[in-house]
Amino acid sequence: MMPRSVSYHDKLIQDLKDPLEATAYIEVALEENEPKFLSKAIKNVIEAQVGLSIFRYLPNAWLWCVTLIR
């Protein structure tokens, strides 16, 4: 049986668990000067560093993150 491939998102989240990778990822998002891209980058880093459970327990956390970059 062939091993299952890992989705791009799963690999990204795994990589973003490394603080240096997460920092570089956010820096690239900032350089793009595109709010939607930065917003998604912040969400991905939060997912990697804290997990999606933060959004279950703090449903407004995502809105707070988006508000920070506006």
Protein backbone atom coordinates (compact mmCIF):
# COMPACT_ATOMS: atom_id res chain seq x y z
CA MET A 1 0.00 0.00 0.00
CA MET A 2 1.31 3.44 -0.90
CA PRO A 3 1.61 6.00 1.87
CA ARG A 4 -0.99 8.72 1.88
CA SER A 5 0.17 12.14 0.84
CA VAL A 6 -0.07 15.06 3.23
CA SER A 7 -2.24 17.99 2.19
CA TYR A 8 -0.60 21.34 1.56
CA HIS A 9 -2.48 22.88 4.49
CA ASP A 10 -1.47 20.11 6.91
CA LYS A 11 2.19 20.46 5.88
CA LEU A 12 1.99 24.25 6.20
CA ILE A 13 0.52 24.01 9.70
CA GLN A 14 3.20 21.51 10.69
CA ASP A 15 5.93 23.85 9.39
CA LEU A 16 4.42 26.87 11.13
CA LYS A 17 4.78 25.19 14.52
CA ASP A 18 8.42 26.24 14.28
CA PRO A 19 8.59 29.86 15.54
CA LEU A 20 11.25 30.80 12.97
CA GLU A 21 9.10 29.48 10.12
CA ALA A 22 6.06 31.30 11.50
CA THR A 23 8.03 34.54 11.74
CA ALA A 24 9.27 34.26 8.15
CA TYR A 25 5.74 33.43 6.96
CA ILE A 26 4.29 36.53 8.63
CA GLU A 27 7.13 38.69 7.28
CA VAL A 28 6.34 37.56 3.73
CA ALA A 29 2.65 38.27 4.32
CA LEU A 30 3.51 41.78 5.51
CA GLU A 31 5.68 42.40 2.43
CA GLU A 32 2.76 41.48 0.17
CA ASN A 33 0.83 44.46 1.58
CA GLU A 34 -2.43 42.59 1.05
CA PRO A 35 -4.76 42.56 4.10
CA LYS A 36 -6.55 39.35 3.09
CA PHE A 37 -3.25 37.50 2.70
CA LEU A 38 -2.00 38.78 6.06
CA SER A 39 -5.28 37.85 7.71
CA LYS A 40 -5.02 34.27 6.40
CA ALA A 41 -1.37 34.09 7.42
CA ILE A 42 -2.21 35.14 10.98
CA LYS A 43 -5.00 32.56 11.14
CA ASN A 44 -2.62 29.84 9.93
CA VAL A 45 0.02 30.77 12.50
CA ILE A 46 -2.57 30.79 15.30
CA GLU A 47 -3.82 27.40 14.15
CA ALA A 48 -0.27 26.04 14.17
CA GLN A 49 0.83 27.57 17.45
CA VAL A 50 -2.35 27.29 19.52
CA GLY A 51 -4.67 25.07 17.53
CA LEU A 52 -8.16 25.69 16.28
CA SER A 53 -9.56 25.14 19.77
CA ILE A 54 -8.95 28.81 20.54
CA PHE A 55 -11.67 29.67 18.04
CA ARG A 56 -14.05 27.27 19.78
CA TYR A 57 -13.45 28.77 23.22
CA LEU A 58 -12.97 32.35 22.05
CA PRO A 59 -15.21 32.71 19.00
CA ASN A 60 -14.33 36.38 18.65
CA ALA A 61 -10.58 35.67 18.54
CA TRP A 62 -10.62 35.61 14.75
CA LEU A 63 -12.38 38.99 14.60
CA TRP A 64 -9.82 40.37 17.02
CA CYS A 65 -6.98 39.16 14.78
CA VAL A 66 -8.56 40.68 11.68
CA THR A 67 -9.19 43.97 13.49
CA LEU A 68 -5.53 44.24 14.42
CA ILE A 69 -4.42 44.48 10.81
CA ARG A 70 -6.97 47.05 9.62
